[in-house]
Amino acid sequence: QLQLVESGGGLVQPGESLRLSCEASGFSGFTLDYYVIGWFRQAPGKEREGVSTISATGAFTLYADSVKGRFTISRDNAKNTVYLQMSGLKPEDSATYYCAGKRSWYGTVGEDLRSSPYEWWGPGTQVTVSS
């Protein structure tokens, strides 16, 4: 029902910025208006971590403590796209970043940054932060 594709990853130096995009598509007449979109990341040998998520209308956002104040999530439903602006990047931010979609918003980090409720996932984009 929902197809997601990430873009914008790359190799940057510590302190630099990147903007990731998550473009959504679906059946004829599809609209992103009804989906919560989250960003997750996974580094080699580590568990997948919830980074940020945004409610269907964009009115509410949540962030992991590790990125709060450095990352900003936003969405443009007219373009069926969700963005993750990452600033002040650190080597520990290096990972494959995934966007994912679900229908329900709970309003808590414990629930909305948990990966299992998300039904649809993109293939990921690699972010490497290194000097």
Foldseek 3Di string as FASTA:
>chain_A
DKAKAKDWADEAAAQAKTKMKIAIDDDPPDWQLQKKKWKWWDAPPDDIWTAKIAHSNRPDMDGDPVQPPFWDWGDDRVRRMIMIIGGRDDQVVWGWMKMFIAGDDDRDCVPPSDPVRTDYIHPTDTHGYHD
